[in-house]
PDB file of N, CA and C in Angstrom:
ATOM      1  N   MET A   1      94.177 125.205 114.354  1.00  0.00           N
ATOM      2  CA  MET A   1      94.669 123.402 114.286  1.00  0.00           C
ATOM      3  C   MET A   1      96.208 123.568 114.409  1.00  0.00           C
ATOM      4  N   THR A   2      96.273 122.887 115.285  1.00  0.00           N
ATOM      5  CA  THR A   2      97.762 122.952 115.942  1.00  0.00           C
ATOM      6  C   THR A   2      99.004 122.147 114.572  1.00  0.00           C
ATOM      7  N   LYS A   3      99.865 122.046 113.761  1.00  0.00           N
ATOM      8  CA  LYS A   3     100.767 121.779 113.112  1.00  0.00           C
ATOM      9  C   LYS A   3     101.676 121.070 113.891  1.00  0.00           C
ATOM     10  N   HIS A   4     102.215 120.152 112.795  1.00  0.00           N
ATOM     11  CA  HIS A   4     103.176 119.031 113.423  1.00  0.00           C
ATOM     12  C   HIS A   4     103.978 118.256 112.086  1.00  0.00           C
ATOM     13  N   ASN A   5     105.459 118.333 112.867  1.00  0.00           N
ATOM     14  CA  ASN A   5     106.152 117.513 111.478  1.00  0.00           C
ATOM     15  C   ASN A   5     105.624 116.548 111.769  1.00  0.00           C
ATOM     16  N   VAL A   6     105.190 115.447 110.090  1.00  0.00           N
ATOM     17  CA  VAL A   6     104.656 114.438 109.052  1.00  0.00           C
ATOM     18  C   VAL A   6     105.498 113.537 108.994  1.00  0.00           C
ATOM     19  N   THR A   7     105.996 112.841 109.244  1.00  0.00           N
ATOM     20  CA  THR A   7     106.945 111.852 107.782  1.00  0.00           C
ATOM     21  C   THR A   7     105.836 110.776 107.842  1.00  0.00           C
ATOM     22  N   ILE A   8     106.186 111.177 106.212  1.00  0.00           N
ATOM     23  CA  ILE A   8     105.098 110.125 105.465  1.00  0.00           C
ATOM     24  C   ILE A   8     105.786 109.018 104.288  1.00  0.00           C
ATOM     25  N   PHE A   9     105.169 107.973 104.367  1.00  0.00           N
ATOM     26  CA  PHE A   9     105.749 107.415 103.430  1.00  0.00           C
ATOM     27  C   PHE A   9     104.630 106.330 102.709  1.00  0.00           C
ATOM     28  N   LYS A  10     105.492 105.596 101.476  1.00  0.00           N
ATOM     29  CA  LYS A  10     104.582 105.721 100.397  1.00  0.00           C
ATOM     30  C   LYS A  10     105.400 104.292 100.320  1.00  0.00           C
ATOM     31  N   PRO A  11     104.592 103.629  99.600  1.00  0.00           N
ATOM     32  CA  PRO A  11     105.076 101.819  98.949  1.00  0.00           C
ATOM     33  C   PRO A  11     105.994 102.085  97.988  1.00  0.00           C
ATOM     34  N   TYR A  12     106.702 101.735  97.559  1.00  0.00           N
ATOM     35  CA  TYR A  12     107.746 101.969  96.454  1.00  0.00           C
ATOM     36  C   TYR A  12     107.165 101.105  95.128  1.00  0.00           C
ATOM     37  N   ALA A  13     107.291 101.628  93.436  1.00  0.00           N
ATOM     38  CA  ALA A  13     106.285 101.230  92.686  1.00  0.00           C
ATOM     39  C   ALA A  13     107.472 100.277  92.216  1.00  0.00           C
ATOM     40  N   PHE A  14     108.158  99.315  92.604  1.00  0.00           N
ATOM     41  CA  PHE A  14     108.585  97.997  92.401  1.00  0.00           C
ATOM     42  C   PHE A  14     108.302  97.683  90.457  1.00  0.00           C
ATOM     43  N   TYR A  15     108.963  97.421  89.596  1.00  0.00           N
ATOM     44  CA  TYR A  15     108.567  97.153  88.291  1.00  0.00           C
ATOM     45  C   TYR A  15     109.958  96.105  87.545  1.00  0.00           C
ATOM     46  N   GLU A  16     109.547  94.713  86.868  1.00  0.00           N
ATOM     47  CA  GLU A  16     110.389  93.945  86.675  1.00  0.00           C
ATOM     48  C   GLU A  16     111.424  94.715  86.044  1.00  0.00           C
ATOM     49  N   GLY A  17     112.485  94.170  86.418  1.00  0.00           N
ATOM     50  CA  GLY A  17     113.391  94.229  85.598  1.00  0.00           C
ATOM     51  C   GLY A  17     114.627  95.012  86.385  1.00  0.00           C
ATOM     52  N   GLN A  18     113.776  95.732  87.052  1.00  0.00           N
ATOM     53  CA  GLN A  18     114.687  96.670  88.295  1.00  0.00           C
ATOM     54  C   GLN A  18     116.037  95.854  89.237  1.00  0.00           C
ATOM     55  N   LYS A  19     117.095  96.538  89.050  1.00  0.00           N
ATOM     56  CA  LYS A  19     117.995  96.132  90.023  1.00  0.00           C
ATOM     57  C   LYS A  19     117.793  97.414  91.034  1.00  0.00           C
ATOM     58  N   ILE A  20     118.116  96.447  92.573  1.00  0.00           N
ATOM     59  CA  ILE A  20     117.627  97.341  93.594  1.00  0.00           C
ATOM     60  C   ILE A  20     118.973  96.886  94.147  1.00  0.00           C
ATOM     61  N   ASN A  21     118.968  97.795  95.665  1.00  0.00           N
ATOM     62  CA  ASN A  21     119.787  97.305  96.620  1.00  0.00           C
ATOM     63  C   ASN A  21     119.280  97.496  98.295  1.00  0.00           C
ATOM     64  N   ILE A  22     118.928  96.436  98.840  1.00  0.00           N
ATOM     65  CA  ILE A  22     118.576  97.269 100.056  1.00  0.00           C
ATOM     66  C   ILE A  22     119.209  96.990 101.360  1.00  0.00           C
ATOM     67  N   ASN A  23     119.107  98.191 101.924  1.00  0.00           N
ATOM     68  CA  ASN A  23     119.750  98.868 102.457  1.00  0.00           C
ATOM     69  C   ASN A  23     120.184  98.610 104.252  1.00  0.00           C
ATOM     70  N   GLY A  24     119.870  97.036 104.655  1.00  0.00           N
ATOM     71  CA  GLY A  24     119.890  97.044 105.940  1.00  0.00           C
ATOM     72  C   GLY A  24     118.631  95.006 106.062  1.00  0.00           C
ATOM     73  N   GLY A  25     118.746  95.241 107.599  1.00  0.00           N
ATOM     74  CA  GLY A  25     117.555  93.995 107.693  1.00  0.00           C
ATOM     75  C   GLY A  25     117.885  92.427 106.866  1.00  0.00           C
ATOM     76  N   LYS A  26     117.003  91.811 107.052  1.00  0.00           N
ATOM     77  CA  LYS A  26     117.292  90.153 106.560  1.00  0.00           C
ATOM     78  C   LYS A  26     117.219  89.767 105.247  1.00  0.00           C
ATOM     79  N   ARG A  27     116.706  91.406 104.307  1.00  0.00           N
ATOM     80  CA  ARG A  27     116.930  91.075 103.233  1.00  0.00           C
ATOM     81  C   ARG A  27     117.958  91.926 102.219  1.00  0.00           C
ATOM     82  N   LYS A  28     118.375  92.418 102.988  1.00  0.00           N
ATOM     83  CA  LYS A  28     119.464  93.562 102.358  1.00  0.00           C
ATOM     84  C   LYS A  28     120.408  92.759 101.164  1.00  0.00           C
ATOM     85  N   GLY A  29     120.708  93.530 100.454  1.00  0.00           N
ATOM     86  CA  GLY A  29     122.072  93.281  99.514  1.00  0.00           C
ATOM     87  C   GLY A  29     121.229  93.561  98.237  1.00  0.00           C
ATOM     88  N   ASP A  30     121.957  92.734  96.942  1.00  0.00           N
ATOM     89  CA  ASP A  30     121.454  93.482  95.423  1.00  0.00           C
ATOM     90  C   ASP A  30     120.511  92.253  95.159  1.00  0.00           C
ATOM     91  N   TRP A  31     119.362  92.842  94.666  1.00  0.00           N
ATOM     92  CA  TRP A  31     118.102  92.176  93.592  1.00  0.00           C
ATOM     93  C   TRP A  31     117.684  91.971  92.727  1.00  0.00           C
ATOM     94  N   GLU A  32     117.639  91.677  92.345  1.00  0.00           N
ATOM     95  CA  GLU A  32     116.766  92.178  90.848  1.00  0.00           C
ATOM     96  C   GLU A  32     114.981  91.638  91.457  1.00  0.00           C
ATOM     97  N   VAL A  33     113.506  92.772  90.952  1.00  0.00           N
ATOM     98  CA  VAL A  33     112.773  92.135  90.328  1.00  0.00           C
ATOM     99  C   VAL A  33     112.192  91.510  89.397  1.00  0.00           C
ATOM    100  N   VAL A  34     111.533  90.363  90.010  1.00  0.00           N
ATOM    101  CA  VAL A  34     111.157  89.650  88.832  1.00  0.00           C
ATOM    102  C   VAL A  34     110.149  89.363  88.487  1.00  0.00           C
ATOM    103  N   SER A  35     109.494  89.858  89.923  1.00  0.00           N
ATOM    104  CA  SER A  35     107.261  90.146  89.240  1.00  0.00           C
ATOM    105  C   SER A  35     107.169  90.650  90.095  1.00  0.00           C
ATOM    106  N   VAL A  36     106.068  91.629  89.931  1.00  0.00           N
ATOM    107  CA  VAL A  36     105.063  92.480  91.103  1.00  0.00           C
ATOM    108  C   VAL A  36     103.625  92.147  90.849  1.00  0.00           C
ATOM    109  N   THR A  37     103.148  92.286  91.926  1.00  0.00           N
ATOM    110  CA  THR A  37     101.405  91.802  92.278  1.00  0.00           C
ATOM    111  C   THR A  37     101.005  93.378  92.754  1.00  0.00           C
ATOM    112  N   ASP A  38      99.973  93.479  93.257  1.00  0.00           N
ATOM    113  CA  ASP A  38      99.107  93.994  94.075  1.00  0.00           C
ATOM    114  C   ASP A  38      99.664  94.079  95.285  1.00  0.00           C
ATOM    115  N   ARG A  39     100.468  93.133  95.854  1.00  0.00           N
ATOM    116  CA  ARG A  39     100.460  92.256  97.037  1.00  0.00           C
ATOM    117  C   ARG A  39     101.720  91.411  97.137  1.00  0.00           C
ATOM    118  N   LYS A  40     102.571  91.350  96.067  1.00  0.00           N
ATOM    119  CA  LYS A  40     103.798  90.351  96.244  1.00  0.00           C
ATOM    120  C   LYS A  40     104.686  91.177  95.699  1.00  0.00           C
ATOM    121  N   VAL A  41     105.694  90.816  96.017  1.00  0.00           N
ATOM    122  CA  VAL A  41     107.218  91.050  95.122  1.00  0.00           C
ATOM    123  C   VAL A  41     108.300  90.009  94.894  1.00  0.00           C
ATOM    124  N   LYS A  42     108.201  89.537  93.817  1.00  0.00           N
ATOM    125  CA  LYS A  42     109.258  88.309  94.085  1.00  0.00           C
ATOM    126  C   LYS A  42     110.365  88.826  93.761  1.00  0.00           C
ATOM    127  N   LEU A  43     112.074  88.817  94.074  1.00  0.00           N
ATOM    128  CA  LEU A  43     112.767  89.717  93.817  1.00  0.00           C
ATOM    129  C   LEU A  43     113.608  88.087  93.412  1.00  0.00           C
ATOM    130  N   ARG A  44     115.221  88.072  92.452  1.00  0.00           N
ATOM    131  CA  ARG A  44     116.503  87.139  92.813  1.00  0.00           C
ATOM    132  C   ARG A  44     117.243  87.680  93.065  1.00  0.00           C
ATOM    133  N   CYS A  45     118.564  87.285  93.826  1.00  0.00           N
ATOM    134  CA  CYS A  45     119.623  87.211  93.830  1.00  0.00           C
ATOM    135  C   CYS A  45     119.919  87.056  92.714  1.00  0.00           C
ATOM    136  N   PRO A  46     121.216  87.721  92.001  1.00  0.00           N
ATOM    137  CA  PRO A  46     121.877  87.809  91.364  1.00  0.00           C
ATOM    138  C   PRO A  46     123.463  86.778  91.246  1.00  0.00           C
ATOM    139  N   ILE A  47     123.976  86.534  92.318  1.00  0.00           N
ATOM    140  CA  ILE A  47     124.780  86.154  92.613  1.00  0.00           C
ATOM    141  C   ILE A  47     124.462  84.118  92.609  1.00  0.00           C
ATOM    142  N   SER A  48     123.485  83.896  93.955  1.00  0.00           N
ATOM    143  CA  SER A  48     122.692  82.845  93.460  1.00  0.00           C
ATOM    144  C   SER A  48     121.941  81.898  92.864  1.00  0.00           C
ATOM    145  N   LEU A  49     121.527  83.117  92.234  1.00  0.00           N
ATOM    146  CA  LEU A  49     119.791  83.334  91.178  1.00  0.00           C
ATOM    147  C   LEU A  49     118.437  82.434  92.066  1.00  0.00           C
ATOM    148  N   LYS A  50     118.603  82.711  93.444  1.00  0.00           N
ATOM    149  CA  LYS A  50     117.419  82.365  94.254  1.00  0.00           C
ATOM    150  C   LYS A  50     116.566  83.154  94.108  1.00  0.00           C
ATOM    151  N   GLU A  51     115.620  82.840  94.406  1.00  0.00           N
ATOM    152  CA  GLU A  51     114.373  83.209  94.161  1.00  0.00           C
ATOM    153  C   GLU A  51     113.496  83.578  94.914  1.00  0.00           C
ATOM    154  N   PHE A  52     112.685  84.728  95.882  1.00  0.00           N
ATOM    155  CA  PHE A  52     111.652  84.624  97.326  1.00  0.00           C
ATOM    156  C   PHE A  52     110.693  85.914  96.680  1.00  0.00           C
ATOM    157  N   GLU A  53     109.876  85.140  97.143  1.00  0.00           N
ATOM    158  CA  GLU A  53     108.517  85.971  96.922  1.00  0.00           C
ATOM    159  C   GLU A  53     107.895  86.546  98.253  1.00  0.00           C
ATOM    160  N   TRP A  54     107.868  88.128  98.438  1.00  0.00           N
ATOM    161  CA  TRP A  54     107.167  88.125  99.932  1.00  0.00           C
ATOM    162  C   TRP A  54     105.979  89.254  99.755  1.00  0.00           C
ATOM    163  N   ASP A  55     105.231  89.591 100.937  1.00  0.00           N
ATOM    164  CA  ASP A  55     104.735  90.894 100.853  1.00  0.00           C
ATOM    165  C   ASP A  55     105.584  91.966 100.267  1.00  0.00           C
ATOM    166  N   ARG A  56     105.028  92.531  99.835  1.00  0.00           N
ATOM    167  CA  ARG A  56     105.660  94.430  99.638  1.00  0.00           C
ATOM    168  C   ARG A  56     106.310  94.634 100.842  1.00  0.00           C
ATOM    169  N   PHE A  57     106.970  95.463 100.986  1.00  0.00           N
ATOM    170  CA  PHE A  57     107.650  95.523 101.779  1.00  0.00           C
ATOM    171  C   PHE A  57     107.985  96.702 102.170  1.00  0.00           C
ATOM    172  N   CYS A  58     108.850  97.517 100.754  1.00  0.00           N
ATOM    173  CA  CYS A  58     109.951  98.341 100.226  1.00  0.00           C
ATOM    174  C   CYS A  58     109.165 100.126 100.086  1.00  0.00           C
ATOM    175  N   TYR A  59     109.854 100.471 100.899  1.00  0.00           N
ATOM    176  CA  TYR A  59     109.468 102.471 100.633  1.00  0.00           C
ATOM    177  C   TYR A  59     110.949 103.136 100.712  1.00  0.00           C
ATOM    178  N   TRP A  60     110.477 104.147  99.739  1.00  0.00           N
ATOM    179  CA  TRP A  60     111.412 104.795  98.655  1.00  0.00           C
ATOM    180  C   TRP A  60     111.904 105.635  99.773  1.00  0.00           C
ATOM    181  N   VAL A  61     113.652 105.536  99.780  1.00  0.00           N
ATOM    182  CA  VAL A  61     114.429 106.441 100.274  1.00  0.00           C
ATOM    183  C   VAL A  61     115.324 107.283  99.568  1.00  0.00           C
ATOM    184  N   GLU A  62     115.761 106.957  99.177  1.00  0.00           N
ATOM    185  CA  GLU A  62     116.689 107.566  98.264  1.00  0.00           C
ATOM    186  C   GLU A  62     116.914 106.694  96.584  1.00  0.00           C
ATOM    187  N   GLU A  63     117.892 107.473  95.614  1.00  0.00           N
ATOM    188  CA  GLU A  63     118.150 106.728  94.732  1.00  0.00           C
ATOM    189  C   GLU A  63     119.691 106.978  94.530  1.00  0.00           C
ATOM    190  N   HIS A  64     121.116 105.819  93.684  1.00  0.00           N
ATOM    191  CA  HIS A  64     121.903 106.330  93.643  1.00  0.00           C
ATOM    192  C   HIS A  64     122.138 106.061  92.625  1.00  0.00           C
ATOM    193  N   GLU A  65     123.489 106.680  91.273  1.00  0.00           N
ATOM    194  CA  GLU A  65     123.656 106.512  90.288  1.00  0.00           C
ATOM    195  C   GLU A  65     125.172 105.941  90.237  1.00  0.00           C
ATOM    196  N   ASP A  66     125.372 105.449  89.458  1.00  0.00           N
ATOM    197  CA  ASP A  66     126.921 104.725  89.017  1.00  0.00           C
ATOM    198  C   ASP A  66     127.379 104.235  90.168  1.00  0.00           C
ATOM    199  N   VAL A  67     126.491 102.982  90.672  1.00  0.00           N
ATOM    200  CA  VAL A  67     126.802 102.529  91.569  1.00  0.00           C
ATOM    201  C   VAL A  67     126.898 100.757  91.561  1.00  0.00           C
ATOM    202  N   PRO A  68     127.757 100.203  91.675  1.00  0.00           N
ATOM    203  CA  PRO A  68     128.428  99.213  91.300  1.00  0.00           C
ATOM    204  C   PRO A  68     127.393  98.143  91.746  1.00  0.00           C
ATOM    205  N   TRP A  69     127.078  96.640  90.547  1.00  0.00           N
ATOM    206  CA  TRP A  69     125.710  96.003  90.586  1.00  0.00           C
ATOM    207  C   TRP A  69     126.566  94.986  90.386  1.00  0.00           C
ATOM    208  N   PRO A  70     125.436  93.533  90.531  1.00  0.00           N
ATOM    209  CA  PRO A  70     126.070  93.504  91.555  1.00  0.00           C
ATOM    210  C   PRO A  70     126.783  93.331  92.585  1.00  0.00           C
ATOM    211  N   GLN A  71     127.057  93.382  94.041  1.00  0.00           N
ATOM    212  CA  GLN A  71     128.199  93.547  94.825  1.00  0.00           C
ATOM    213  C   GLN A  71     127.891  91.832  94.979  1.00  0.00           C
ATOM    214  N   LYS A  72     129.132  91.341  95.478  1.00  0.00           N
ATOM    215  CA  LYS A  72     129.299  89.639  95.512  1.00  0.00           C
ATOM    216  C   LYS A  72     129.890  89.485  97.318  1.00  0.00           C
ATOM    217  N   ASP A  73     129.734  90.069  98.234  1.00  0.00           N
ATOM    218  CA  ASP A  73     129.803  89.994  99.410  1.00  0.00           C
ATOM    219  C   ASP A  73     128.614  90.397 100.292  1.00  0.00           C
ATOM    220  N   GLN A  74     127.316  90.271  99.315  1.00  0.00           N
ATOM    221  CA  GLN A  74     125.596  89.940 100.122  1.00  0.00           C
ATOM    222  C   GLN A  74     125.765  88.675 100.758  1.00  0.00           C
ATOM    223  N   ASP A  75     125.129  88.447 101.551  1.00  0.00           N
ATOM    224  CA  ASP A  75     124.795  87.216 102.414  1.00  0.00           C
ATOM    225  C   ASP A  75     124.048  86.113 101.950  1.00  0.00           C
ATOM    226  N   ILE A  76     123.269  86.241 100.648  1.00  0.00           N
ATOM    227  CA  ILE A  76     122.326  85.763 100.296  1.00  0.00           C
ATOM    228  C   ILE A  76     122.965  84.358  99.340  1.00  0.00           C
TER     229      ILE A  76
END
């Protein structure tokens, strides 16, 4: 059997109250996780307090410690 380099993506396991930063795309910026189901995640912008519910879309990439949150320069 031939072996290959394979990239594996795993859906991210959000939890309520989690502070996150999405780096890129139309949802970029700081968010707080409001609720999570098997199919949906509801996020709140910490600046405008607007809430949005989307199909789950994130995959874990990396985690940073001691990062300023929220940042006032987000677009939402």
